[in-house]
Amino acid sequence: MRYELVIFDNDGVLVDSEPIANTILAGYLTELGHPTSYEESLRDYMGAAVHRVHDLVDERGGEKLPADFEDILQARTFAAFQQELVAVDGAEELLGKLVADGVDYCVASSGSHE
């Protein structure tokens, strides 16, 4: 069977960004006065849109997140990705095989194009 196109999800298939992103998120929330462990960040926010962070912080009381929260979080997260993000084992080899076999592929993700 020959495939014309393979569509990949990004996170957990090509790369695993959740551990990095949730480490950054937990640290930043804690820094802002909303103590959050890595495990809590995974439980409460993994795979969720950033508005969920705002919603849960509001529900739990305390100070609202600053207006630039998302910009700072994104900058810190992408800086960490540049240093730490690696391909899932076998992903690069699979993509290389698809190219060699003339099979097109793309990534479908709700994440940022960055």
PDB file of N, CA and C in Angstrom:
ATOM      1  N   MET A   1       0.846  -1.178   0.000  1.00  0.00           N
ATOM      2  CA  MET A   1       0.000   0.000   0.000  1.00  0.00           C
ATOM      3  C   MET A   1       0.892   1.242   0.000  1.00  0.00           C
ATOM      4  N   ARG A   2       0.602   2.165  -0.874  1.00  0.00           N
ATOM      5  CA  ARG A   2       1.367   3.412  -0.949  1.00  0.00           C
ATOM      6  C   ARG A   2       0.478   4.548  -0.476  1.00  0.00           C
ATOM      7  N   TYR A   3       1.027   5.334   0.419  1.00  0.00           N
ATOM      8  CA  TYR A   3       0.301   6.491   0.944  1.00  0.00           C
ATOM      9  C   TYR A   3       0.621   7.714   0.095  1.00  0.00           C
ATOM     10  N   GLU A   4      -0.379   8.535  -0.130  1.00  0.00           N
ATOM     11  CA  GLU A   4      -0.167   9.786  -0.848  1.00  0.00           C
ATOM     12  C   GLU A   4       0.256  10.897   0.101  1.00  0.00           C
ATOM     13  N   LEU A   5      -0.268  10.850   1.315  1.00  0.00           N
ATOM     14  CA  LEU A   5      -0.004  11.895   2.300  1.00  0.00           C
ATOM     15  C   LEU A   5      -0.110  11.302   3.697  1.00  0.00           C
ATOM     16  N   VAL A   6       0.822  11.681   4.553  1.00  0.00           N
ATOM     17  CA  VAL A   6       0.764  11.299   5.961  1.00  0.00           C
ATOM     18  C   VAL A   6       0.620  12.583   6.767  1.00  0.00           C
ATOM     19  N   ILE A   7      -0.368  12.617   7.643  1.00  0.00           N
ATOM     20  CA  ILE A   7      -0.606  13.783   8.494  1.00  0.00           C
ATOM     21  C   ILE A   7      -0.214  13.411   9.919  1.00  0.00           C
ATOM     22  N   PHE A   8       0.718  14.161  10.477  1.00  0.00           N
ATOM     23  CA  PHE A   8       1.198  13.919  11.829  1.00  0.00           C
ATOM     24  C   PHE A   8       0.630  14.940  12.800  1.00  0.00           C
ATOM     25  N   ASP A   9       0.340  14.497  14.001  1.00  0.00           N
ATOM     26  CA  ASP A   9       0.192  15.420  15.118  1.00  0.00           C
ATOM     27  C   ASP A   9       1.622  15.784  15.494  1.00  0.00           C
ATOM     28  N   ASN A  10       1.822  16.909  16.113  1.00  0.00           N
ATOM     29  CA  ASN A  10       3.175  17.325  16.462  1.00  0.00           C
ATOM     30  C   ASN A  10       3.595  16.809  17.827  1.00  0.00           C
ATOM     31  N   ASP A  11       2.885  17.231  18.860  1.00  0.00           N
ATOM     32  CA  ASP A  11       3.333  16.941  20.216  1.00  0.00           C
ATOM     33  C   ASP A  11       3.049  15.493  20.595  1.00  0.00           C
ATOM     34  N   GLY A  12       4.100  14.828  21.034  1.00  0.00           N
ATOM     35  CA  GLY A  12       3.994  13.434  21.419  1.00  0.00           C
ATOM     36  C   GLY A  12       4.225  12.484  20.261  1.00  0.00           C
ATOM     37  N   VAL A  13       4.225  13.002  19.043  1.00  0.00           N
ATOM     38  CA  VAL A  13       4.463  12.178  17.864  1.00  0.00           C
ATOM     39  C   VAL A  13       5.815  12.533  17.246  1.00  0.00           C
ATOM     40  N   LEU A  14       6.017  13.803  16.942  1.00  0.00           N
ATOM     41  CA  LEU A  14       7.290  14.254  16.380  1.00  0.00           C
ATOM     42  C   LEU A  14       8.226  14.797  17.453  1.00  0.00           C
ATOM     43  N   VAL A  15       7.681  15.523  18.403  1.00  0.00           N
ATOM     44  CA  VAL A  15       8.439  16.059  19.544  1.00  0.00           C
ATOM     45  C   VAL A  15       7.585  15.890  20.794  1.00  0.00           C
ATOM     46  N   ASP A  16       8.208  16.034  21.950  1.00  0.00           N
ATOM     47  CA  ASP A  16       7.451  15.978  23.207  1.00  0.00           C
ATOM     48  C   ASP A  16       7.705  17.263  23.975  1.00  0.00           C
ATOM     49  N   SER A  17       6.873  18.261  23.702  1.00  0.00           N
ATOM     50  CA  SER A  17       7.071  19.585  24.294  1.00  0.00           C
ATOM     51  C   SER A  17       6.410  19.749  25.654  1.00  0.00           C
ATOM     52  N   GLU A  18       5.468  18.878  25.999  1.00  0.00           N
ATOM     53  CA  GLU A  18       4.704  19.068  27.241  1.00  0.00           C
ATOM     54  C   GLU A  18       5.571  19.127  28.498  1.00  0.00           C
ATOM     55  N   PRO A  19       6.561  18.251  28.675  1.00  0.00           N
ATOM     56  CA  PRO A  19       7.379  18.372  29.891  1.00  0.00           C
ATOM     57  C   PRO A  19       8.077  19.730  29.999  1.00  0.00           C
ATOM     58  N   ILE A  20       8.593  20.217  28.884  1.00  0.00           N
ATOM     59  CA  ILE A  20       9.280  21.510  28.892  1.00  0.00           C
ATOM     60  C   ILE A  20       8.281  22.634  29.163  1.00  0.00           C
ATOM     61  N   ALA A  21       7.189  22.646  28.423  1.00  0.00           N
ATOM     62  CA  ALA A  21       6.198  23.717  28.560  1.00  0.00           C
ATOM     63  C   ALA A  21       5.603  23.762  29.961  1.00  0.00           C
ATOM     64  N   ASN A  22       5.340  22.607  30.547  1.00  0.00           N
ATOM     65  CA  ASN A  22       4.737  22.593  31.880  1.00  0.00           C
ATOM     66  C   ASN A  22       5.738  22.933  32.978  1.00  0.00           C
ATOM     67  N   THR A  23       7.003  22.658  32.764  1.00  0.00           N
ATOM     68  CA  THR A  23       8.034  23.106  33.704  1.00  0.00           C
ATOM     69  C   THR A  23       8.096  24.631  33.718  1.00  0.00           C
ATOM     70  N   ILE A  24       8.085  25.235  32.531  1.00  0.00           N
ATOM     71  CA  ILE A  24       8.122  26.697  32.418  1.00  0.00           C
ATOM     72  C   ILE A  24       6.863  27.303  33.025  1.00  0.00           C
ATOM     73  N   LEU A  25       5.700  26.749  32.697  1.00  0.00           N
ATOM     74  CA  LEU A  25       4.437  27.275  33.209  1.00  0.00           C
ATOM     75  C   LEU A  25       4.376  27.200  34.727  1.00  0.00           C
ATOM     76  N   ALA A  26       4.740  26.065  35.295  1.00  0.00           N
ATOM     77  CA  ALA A  26       4.705  25.913  36.755  1.00  0.00           C
ATOM     78  C   ALA A  26       5.620  26.931  37.424  1.00  0.00           C
ATOM     79  N   GLY A  27       6.806  27.109  36.885  1.00  0.00           N
ATOM     80  CA  GLY A  27       7.745  28.070  37.458  1.00  0.00           C
ATOM     81  C   GLY A  27       7.249  29.499  37.370  1.00  0.00           C
ATOM     82  N   TYR A  28       6.673  29.858  36.229  1.00  0.00           N
ATOM     83  CA  TYR A  28       6.198  31.225  36.040  1.00  0.00           C
ATOM     84  C   TYR A  28       4.990  31.513  36.927  1.00  0.00           C
ATOM     85  N   LEU A  29       4.046  30.570  37.007  1.00  0.00           N
ATOM     86  CA  LEU A  29       2.898  30.770  37.897  1.00  0.00           C
ATOM     87  C   LEU A  29       3.351  30.920  39.345  1.00  0.00           C
ATOM     88  N   THR A  30       4.301  30.099  39.754  1.00  0.00           N
ATOM     89  CA  THR A  30       4.825  30.183  41.118  1.00  0.00           C
ATOM     90  C   THR A  30       5.475  31.543  41.348  1.00  0.00           C
ATOM     91  N   GLU A  31       6.254  31.988  40.380  1.00  0.00           N
ATOM     92  CA  GLU A  31       6.906  33.304  40.452  1.00  0.00           C
ATOM     93  C   GLU A  31       5.880  34.427  40.611  1.00  0.00           C
ATOM     94  N   LEU A  32       4.714  34.261  40.007  1.00  0.00           N
ATOM     95  CA  LEU A  32       3.662  35.284  40.058  1.00  0.00           C
ATOM     96  C   LEU A  32       2.774  35.169  41.292  1.00  0.00           C
ATOM     97  N   GLY A  33       3.116  34.260  42.201  1.00  0.00           N
ATOM     98  CA  GLY A  33       2.346  34.133  43.435  1.00  0.00           C
ATOM     99  C   GLY A  33       1.237  33.101  43.390  1.00  0.00           C
ATOM    100  N   HIS A  34       1.286  32.223  42.404  1.00  0.00           N
ATOM    101  CA  HIS A  34       0.312  31.132  42.275  1.00  0.00           C
ATOM    102  C   HIS A  34       1.090  29.820  42.299  1.00  0.00           C
ATOM    103  N   PRO A  35       1.511  29.380  43.500  1.00  0.00           N
ATOM    104  CA  PRO A  35       2.371  28.191  43.592  1.00  0.00           C
ATOM    105  C   PRO A  35       1.779  26.999  42.835  1.00  0.00           C
ATOM    106  N   THR A  36       2.576  26.474  41.919  1.00  0.00           N
ATOM    107  CA  THR A  36       2.143  25.369  41.066  1.00  0.00           C
ATOM    108  C   THR A  36       3.318  24.428  40.867  1.00  0.00           C
ATOM    109  N   SER A  37       3.119  23.166  41.174  1.00  0.00           N
ATOM    110  CA  SER A  37       4.168  22.174  40.933  1.00  0.00           C
ATOM    111  C   SER A  37       4.100  21.710  39.478  1.00  0.00           C
ATOM    112  N   TYR A  38       5.147  21.067  39.050  1.00  0.00           N
ATOM    113  CA  TYR A  38       5.175  20.493  37.707  1.00  0.00           C
ATOM    114  C   TYR A  38       4.017  19.509  37.528  1.00  0.00           C
ATOM    115  N   GLU A  39       3.802  18.676  38.535  1.00  0.00           N
ATOM    116  CA  GLU A  39       2.731  17.678  38.461  1.00  0.00           C
ATOM    117  C   GLU A  39       1.354  18.346  38.361  1.00  0.00           C
ATOM    118  N   GLU A  40       1.154  19.425  39.117  1.00  0.00           N
ATOM    119  CA  GLU A  40      -0.117  20.161  39.041  1.00  0.00           C
ATOM    120  C   GLU A  40      -0.300  20.794  37.667  1.00  0.00           C
ATOM    121  N   SER A  41       0.786  21.311  37.120  1.00  0.00           N
ATOM    122  CA  SER A  41       0.711  21.915  35.794  1.00  0.00           C
ATOM    123  C   SER A  41       0.314  20.873  34.751  1.00  0.00           C
ATOM    124  N   LEU A  42       0.921  19.694  34.826  1.00  0.00           N
ATOM    125  CA  LEU A  42       0.542  18.615  33.906  1.00  0.00           C
ATOM    126  C   LEU A  42      -0.932  18.258  34.066  1.00  0.00           C
ATOM    127  N   ARG A  43      -1.352  18.083  35.301  1.00  0.00           N
ATOM    128  CA  ARG A  43      -2.731  17.674  35.576  1.00  0.00           C
ATOM    129  C   ARG A  43      -3.741  18.719  35.095  1.00  0.00           C
ATOM    130  N   ASP A  44      -3.456  19.976  35.378  1.00  0.00           N
ATOM    131  CA  ASP A  44      -4.443  21.031  35.146  1.00  0.00           C
ATOM    132  C   ASP A  44      -4.386  21.668  33.757  1.00  0.00           C
ATOM    133  N   TYR A  45      -3.212  21.671  33.130  1.00  0.00           N
ATOM    134  CA  TYR A  45      -3.055  22.476  31.919  1.00  0.00           C
ATOM    135  C   TYR A  45      -2.547  21.735  30.687  1.00  0.00           C
ATOM    136  N   MET A  46      -2.067  20.505  30.839  1.00  0.00           N
ATOM    137  CA  MET A  46      -1.471  19.811  29.701  1.00  0.00           C
ATOM    138  C   MET A  46      -2.449  19.732  28.527  1.00  0.00           C
ATOM    139  N   GLY A  47      -1.997  20.228  27.395  1.00  0.00           N
ATOM    140  CA  GLY A  47      -2.800  20.183  26.184  1.00  0.00           C
ATOM    141  C   GLY A  47      -3.897  21.224  26.094  1.00  0.00           C
ATOM    142  N   ALA A  48      -4.028  22.056  27.112  1.00  0.00           N
ATOM    143  CA  ALA A  48      -5.110  23.047  27.143  1.00  0.00           C
ATOM    144  C   ALA A  48      -4.646  24.381  26.554  1.00  0.00           C
ATOM    145  N   ALA A  49      -5.602  25.154  26.111  1.00  0.00           N
ATOM    146  CA  ALA A  49      -5.315  26.510  25.645  1.00  0.00           C
ATOM    147  C   ALA A  49      -4.989  27.392  26.848  1.00  0.00           C
ATOM    148  N   VAL A  50      -4.263  28.478  26.598  1.00  0.00           N
ATOM    149  CA  VAL A  50      -3.800  29.335  27.687  1.00  0.00           C
ATOM    150  C   VAL A  50      -4.960  29.974  28.452  1.00  0.00           C
ATOM    151  N   HIS A  51      -6.123  30.112  27.825  1.00  0.00           N
ATOM    152  CA  HIS A  51      -7.249  30.699  28.565  1.00  0.00           C
ATOM    153  C   HIS A  51      -7.628  29.820  29.758  1.00  0.00           C
ATOM    154  N   ARG A  52      -7.328  28.523  29.695  1.00  0.00           N
ATOM    155  CA  ARG A  52      -7.600  27.640  30.840  1.00  0.00           C
ATOM    156  C   ARG A  52      -6.754  28.061  32.043  1.00  0.00           C
ATOM    157  N   VAL A  53      -5.540  28.502  31.813  1.00  0.00           N
ATOM    158  CA  VAL A  53      -4.686  28.973  32.909  1.00  0.00           C
ATOM    159  C   VAL A  53      -5.357  30.169  33.576  1.00  0.00           C
ATOM    160  N   HIS A  54      -5.784  31.129  32.777  1.00  0.00           N
ATOM    161  CA  HIS A  54      -6.477  32.306  33.321  1.00  0.00           C
ATOM    162  C   HIS A  54      -7.723  31.885  34.095  1.00  0.00           C
ATOM    163  N   ASP A  55      -8.508  30.979  33.520  1.00  0.00           N
ATOM    164  CA  ASP A  55      -9.755  30.538  34.158  1.00  0.00           C
ATOM    165  C   ASP A  55      -9.496  29.897  35.515  1.00  0.00           C
ATOM    166  N   LEU A  56      -8.521  28.999  35.591  1.00  0.00           N
ATOM    167  CA  LEU A  56      -8.248  28.321  36.862  1.00  0.00           C
ATOM    168  C   LEU A  56      -7.656  29.266  37.899  1.00  0.00           C
ATOM    169  N   VAL A  57      -6.787  30.167  37.466  1.00  0.00           N
ATOM    170  CA  VAL A  57      -6.237  31.147  38.405  1.00  0.00           C
ATOM    171  C   VAL A  57      -7.371  32.008  38.961  1.00  0.00           C
ATOM    172  N   ASP A  58      -8.290  32.426  38.108  1.00  0.00           N
ATOM    173  CA  ASP A  58      -9.448  33.215  38.562  1.00  0.00           C
ATOM    174  C   ASP A  58     -10.305  32.419  39.541  1.00  0.00           C
ATOM    175  N   GLU A  59     -10.568  31.150  39.232  1.00  0.00           N
ATOM    176  CA  GLU A  59     -11.385  30.300  40.108  1.00  0.00           C
ATOM    177  C   GLU A  59     -10.745  30.121  41.481  1.00  0.00           C
ATOM    178  N   ARG A  60      -9.434  30.038  41.504  1.00  0.00           N
ATOM    179  CA  ARG A  60      -8.718  29.761  42.751  1.00  0.00           C
ATOM    180  C   ARG A  60      -8.473  31.017  43.572  1.00  0.00           C
ATOM    181  N   GLY A  61      -8.788  32.155  43.022  1.00  0.00           N
ATOM    182  CA  GLY A  61      -8.621  33.408  43.757  1.00  0.00           C
ATOM    183  C   GLY A  61      -7.201  33.931  43.682  1.00  0.00           C
ATOM    184  N   GLY A  62      -6.971  35.017  44.364  1.00  0.00           N
ATOM    185  CA  GLY A  62      -5.656  35.646  44.319  1.00  0.00           C
ATOM    186  C   GLY A  62      -5.592  36.663  43.202  1.00  0.00           C
ATOM    187  N   GLU A  63      -4.399  37.163  42.978  1.00  0.00           N
ATOM    188  CA  GLU A  63      -4.211  38.192  41.950  1.00  0.00           C
ATOM    189  C   GLU A  63      -4.402  37.624  40.557  1.00  0.00           C
ATOM    190  N   LYS A  64      -4.986  38.446  39.694  1.00  0.00           N
ATOM    191  CA  LYS A  64      -5.116  38.060  38.288  1.00  0.00           C
ATOM    192  C   LYS A  64      -3.725  38.026  37.661  1.00  0.00           C
ATOM    193  N   LEU A  65      -3.620  37.291  36.591  1.00  0.00           N
ATOM    194  CA  LEU A  65      -2.353  37.241  35.867  1.00  0.00           C
ATOM    195  C   LEU A  65      -2.138  38.566  35.144  1.00  0.00           C
ATOM    196  N   PRO A  66      -0.888  38.991  34.994  1.00  0.00           N
ATOM    197  CA  PRO A  66      -0.618  40.271  34.333  1.00  0.00           C
ATOM    198  C   PRO A  66      -1.033  40.239  32.859  1.00  0.00           C
ATOM    199  N   ALA A  67      -1.251  41.414  32.309  1.00  0.00           N
ATOM    200  CA  ALA A  67      -1.695  41.541  30.917  1.00  0.00           C
ATOM    201  C   ALA A  67      -0.703  40.911  29.937  1.00  0.00           C
ATOM    202  N   ASP A  68       0.574  40.937  30.279  1.00  0.00           N
ATOM    203  CA  ASP A  68       1.592  40.383  29.377  1.00  0.00           C
ATOM    204  C   ASP A  68       1.933  38.923  29.698  1.00  0.00           C
ATOM    205  N   PHE A  69       1.099  38.262  30.484  1.00  0.00           N
ATOM    206  CA  PHE A  69       1.357  36.878  30.894  1.00  0.00           C
ATOM    207  C   PHE A  69       1.631  35.968  29.699  1.00  0.00           C
ATOM    208  N   GLU A  70       0.752  36.000  28.712  1.00  0.00           N
ATOM    209  CA  GLU A  70       0.892  35.098  27.567  1.00  0.00           C
ATOM    210  C   GLU A  70       2.152  35.390  26.768  1.00  0.00           C
ATOM    211  N   ASP A  71       2.477  36.668  26.584  1.00  0.00           N
ATOM    212  CA  ASP A  71       3.679  37.027  25.829  1.00  0.00           C
ATOM    213  C   ASP A  71       4.936  36.537  26.535  1.00  0.00           C
ATOM    214  N   ILE A  72       4.993  36.747  27.843  1.00  0.00           N
ATOM    215  CA  ILE A  72       6.171  36.322  28.606  1.00  0.00           C
ATOM    216  C   ILE A  72       6.251  34.801  28.654  1.00  0.00           C
ATOM    217  N   LEU A  73       5.119  34.149  28.890  1.00  0.00           N
ATOM    218  CA  LEU A  73       5.104  32.687  28.918  1.00  0.00           C
ATOM    219  C   LEU A  73       5.572  32.122  27.581  1.00  0.00           C
ATOM    220  N   GLN A  74       5.064  32.665  26.493  1.00  0.00           N
ATOM    221  CA  GLN A  74       5.460  32.180  25.172  1.00  0.00           C
ATOM    222  C   GLN A  74       6.951  32.401  24.924  1.00  0.00           C
ATOM    223  N   ALA A  75       7.464  33.559  25.283  1.00  0.00           N
ATOM    224  CA  ALA A  75       8.889  33.840  25.083  1.00  0.00           C
ATOM    225  C   ALA A  75       9.751  32.866  25.883  1.00  0.00           C
ATOM    226  N   ARG A  76       9.390  32.635  27.132  1.00  0.00           N
ATOM    227  CA  ARG A  76      10.162  31.708  27.967  1.00  0.00           C
ATOM    228  C   ARG A  76      10.067  30.276  27.441  1.00  0.00           C
ATOM    229  N   THR A  77       8.874  29.905  27.024  1.00  0.00           N
ATOM    230  CA  THR A  77       8.670  28.542  26.529  1.00  0.00           C
ATOM    231  C   THR A  77       9.457  28.309  25.247  1.00  0.00           C
ATOM    232  N   PHE A  78       9.381  29.238  24.305  1.00  0.00           N
ATOM    233  CA  PHE A  78      10.106  29.049  23.051  1.00  0.00           C
ATOM    234  C   PHE A  78      11.616  29.113  23.250  1.00  0.00           C
ATOM    235  N   ALA A  79      12.082  29.906  24.198  1.00  0.00           N
ATOM    236  CA  ALA A  79      13.515  29.915  24.508  1.00  0.00           C
ATOM    237  C   ALA A  79      13.942  28.545  25.036  1.00  0.00           C
ATOM    238  N   ALA A  80      13.124  27.959  25.892  1.00  0.00           N
ATOM    239  CA  ALA A  80      13.428  26.619  26.409  1.00  0.00           C
ATOM    240  C   ALA A  80      13.358  25.579  25.294  1.00  0.00           C
ATOM    241  N   PHE A  81      12.385  25.702  24.397  1.00  0.00           N
ATOM    242  CA  PHE A  81      12.291  24.767  23.273  1.00  0.00           C
ATOM    243  C   PHE A  81      13.565  24.803  22.436  1.00  0.00           C
ATOM    244  N   GLN A  82      14.088  25.999  22.187  1.00  0.00           N
ATOM    245  CA  GLN A  82      15.299  26.124  21.370  1.00  0.00           C
ATOM    246  C   GLN A  82      16.480  25.407  22.011  1.00  0.00           C
ATOM    247  N   GLN A  83      16.502  25.362  23.332  1.00  0.00           N
ATOM    248  CA  GLN A  83      17.602  24.721  24.047  1.00  0.00           C
ATOM    249  C   GLN A  83      17.375  23.231  24.291  1.00  0.00           C
ATOM    250  N   GLU A  84      16.117  22.832  24.509  1.00  0.00           N
ATOM    251  CA  GLU A  84      15.858  21.499  25.047  1.00  0.00           C
ATOM    252  C   GLU A  84      15.029  20.567  24.173  1.00  0.00           C
ATOM    253  N   LEU A  85      14.267  21.084  23.237  1.00  0.00           N
ATOM    254  CA  LEU A  85      13.325  20.252  22.489  1.00  0.00           C
ATOM    255  C   LEU A  85      14.056  19.341  21.510  1.00  0.00           C
ATOM    256  N   VAL A  86      13.728  18.071  21.547  1.00  0.00           N
ATOM    257  CA  VAL A  86      14.329  17.097  20.639  1.00  0.00           C
ATOM    258  C   VAL A  86      13.223  16.252  20.008  1.00  0.00           C
ATOM    259  N   ALA A  87      13.561  15.632  18.903  1.00  0.00           N
ATOM    260  CA  ALA A  87      12.604  14.771  18.212  1.00  0.00           C
ATOM    261  C   ALA A  87      12.352  13.505  19.022  1.00  0.00           C
ATOM    262  N   VAL A  88      11.141  12.986  18.917  1.00  0.00           N
ATOM    263  CA  VAL A  88      10.795  11.696  19.500  1.00  0.00           C
ATOM    264  C   VAL A  88      11.641  10.633  18.798  1.00  0.00           C
ATOM    265  N   ASP A  89      12.071   9.634  19.534  1.00  0.00           N
ATOM    266  CA  ASP A  89      12.882   8.561  18.948  1.00  0.00           C
ATOM    267  C   ASP A  89      12.225   8.006  17.690  1.00  0.00           C
ATOM    268  N   GLY A  90      12.986   7.976  16.616  1.00  0.00           N
ATOM    269  CA  GLY A  90      12.515   7.408  15.361  1.00  0.00           C
ATOM    270  C   GLY A  90      11.815   8.381  14.431  1.00  0.00           C
ATOM    271  N   ALA A  91      11.472   9.564  14.926  1.00  0.00           N
ATOM    272  CA  ALA A  91      10.719  10.519  14.101  1.00  0.00           C
ATOM    273  C   ALA A  91      11.534  10.993  12.897  1.00  0.00           C
ATOM    274  N   GLU A  92      12.781  11.355  13.124  1.00  0.00           N
ATOM    275  CA  GLU A  92      13.600  11.855  12.017  1.00  0.00           C
ATOM    276  C   GLU A  92      13.809  10.781  10.954  1.00  0.00           C
ATOM    277  N   GLU A  93      14.033   9.557  11.402  1.00  0.00           N
ATOM    278  CA  GLU A  93      14.228   8.459  10.460  1.00  0.00           C
ATOM    279  C   GLU A  93      12.964   8.215   9.632  1.00  0.00           C
ATOM    280  N   LEU A  94      11.814   8.260  10.281  1.00  0.00           N
ATOM    281  CA  LEU A  94      10.551   8.059   9.575  1.00  0.00           C
ATOM    282  C   LEU A  94      10.325   9.151   8.538  1.00  0.00           C
ATOM    283  N   LEU A  95      10.562  10.403   8.914  1.00  0.00           N
ATOM    284  CA  LEU A  95      10.384  11.501   7.959  1.00  0.00           C
ATOM    285  C   LEU A  95      11.342  11.345   6.777  1.00  0.00           C
ATOM    286  N   GLY A  96      12.569  10.937   7.067  1.00  0.00           N
ATOM    287  CA  GLY A  96      13.540  10.695   5.995  1.00  0.00           C
ATOM    288  C   GLY A  96      13.085   9.597   5.048  1.00  0.00           C
ATOM    289  N   LYS A  97      12.504   8.550   5.598  1.00  0.00           N
ATOM    290  CA  LYS A  97      11.996   7.447   4.764  1.00  0.00           C
ATOM    291  C   LYS A  97      10.833   7.919   3.901  1.00  0.00           C
ATOM    292  N   LEU A  98       9.952   8.724   4.466  1.00  0.00           N
ATOM    293  CA  LEU A  98       8.840   9.251   3.675  1.00  0.00           C
ATOM    294  C   LEU A  98       9.347  10.084   2.503  1.00  0.00           C
ATOM    295  N   VAL A  99      10.335  10.931   2.764  1.00  0.00           N
ATOM    296  CA  VAL A  99      10.920  11.753   1.698  1.00  0.00           C
ATOM    297  C   VAL A  99      11.538  10.851   0.631  1.00  0.00           C
ATOM    298  N   ALA A 100      12.318   9.870   1.067  1.00  0.00           N
ATOM    299  CA  ALA A 100      12.975   8.959   0.126  1.00  0.00           C
ATOM    300  C   ALA A 100      11.964   8.193  -0.723  1.00  0.00           C
ATOM    301  N   ASP A 101      10.813   7.890  -0.139  1.00  0.00           N
ATOM    302  CA  ASP A 101       9.770   7.147  -0.852  1.00  0.00           C
ATOM    303  C   ASP A 101       8.824   8.056  -1.637  1.00  0.00           C
ATOM    304  N   GLY A 102       9.064   9.374  -1.580  1.00  0.00           N
ATOM    305  CA  GLY A 102       8.232  10.315  -2.318  1.00  0.00           C
ATOM    306  C   GLY A 102       6.846  10.525  -1.734  1.00  0.00           C
ATOM    307  N   VAL A 103       6.718  10.303  -0.433  1.00  0.00           N
ATOM    308  CA  VAL A 103       5.429  10.475   0.236  1.00  0.00           C
ATOM    309  C   VAL A 103       5.394  11.853   0.894  1.00  0.00           C
ATOM    310  N   ASP A 104       4.390  12.628   0.573  1.00  0.00           N
ATOM    311  CA  ASP A 104       4.228  13.941   1.200  1.00  0.00           C
ATOM    312  C   ASP A 104       3.769  13.771   2.637  1.00  0.00           C
ATOM    313  N   TYR A 105       4.115  14.745   3.472  1.00  0.00           N
ATOM    314  CA  TYR A 105       3.630  14.748   4.854  1.00  0.00           C
ATOM    315  C   TYR A 105       3.429  16.180   5.310  1.00  0.00           C
ATOM    316  N   CYS A 106       2.619  16.318   6.340  1.00  0.00           N
ATOM    317  CA  CYS A 106       2.385  17.621   6.948  1.00  0.00           C
ATOM    318  C   CYS A 106       2.093  17.414   8.428  1.00  0.00           C
ATOM    319  N   VAL A 107       2.015  18.515   9.144  1.00  0.00           N
ATOM    320  CA  VAL A 107       1.736  18.483  10.578  1.00  0.00           C
ATOM    321  C   VAL A 107       0.422  19.207  10.818  1.00  0.00           C
ATOM    322  N   ALA A 108      -0.471  18.551  11.527  1.00  0.00           N
ATOM    323  CA  ALA A 108      -1.736  19.158  11.942  1.00  0.00           C
ATOM    324  C   ALA A 108      -1.660  19.345  13.446  1.00  0.00           C
ATOM    325  N   SER A 109      -1.731  20.579  13.893  1.00  0.00           N
ATOM    326  CA  SER A 109      -1.564  20.853  15.314  1.00  0.00           C
ATOM    327  C   SER A 109      -2.339  22.102  15.690  1.00  0.00           C
ATOM    328  N   SER A 110      -2.837  22.118  16.902  1.00  0.00           N
ATOM    329  CA  SER A 110      -3.500  23.325  17.391  1.00  0.00           C
ATOM    330  C   SER A 110      -2.487  24.305  17.971  1.00  0.00           C
ATOM    331  N   GLY A 111      -1.231  23.903  18.022  1.00  0.00           N
ATOM    332  CA  GLY A 111      -0.179  24.758  18.558  1.00  0.00           C
ATOM    333  C   GLY A 111       0.224  25.846  17.571  1.00  0.00           C
ATOM    334  N   SER A 112       1.069  26.731  18.057  1.00  0.00           N
ATOM    335  CA  SER A 112       1.575  27.838  17.260  1.00  0.00           C
ATOM    336  C   SER A 112       2.466  27.327  16.128  1.00  0.00           C
ATOM    337  N   HIS A 113       2.487  28.051  15.022  1.00  0.00           N
ATOM    338  CA  HIS A 113       3.372  27.698  13.912  1.00  0.00           C
ATOM    339  C   HIS A 113       4.830  27.939  14.262  1.00  0.00           C
ATOM    340  N   GLU A 114       5.081  28.712  15.299  1.00  0.00           N
ATOM    341  CA  GLU A 114       6.452  28.975  15.708  1.00  0.00           C
ATOM    342  C   GLU A 114       7.027  27.708  16.264  1.00  0.00           C
TER     343      GLU A 114
END
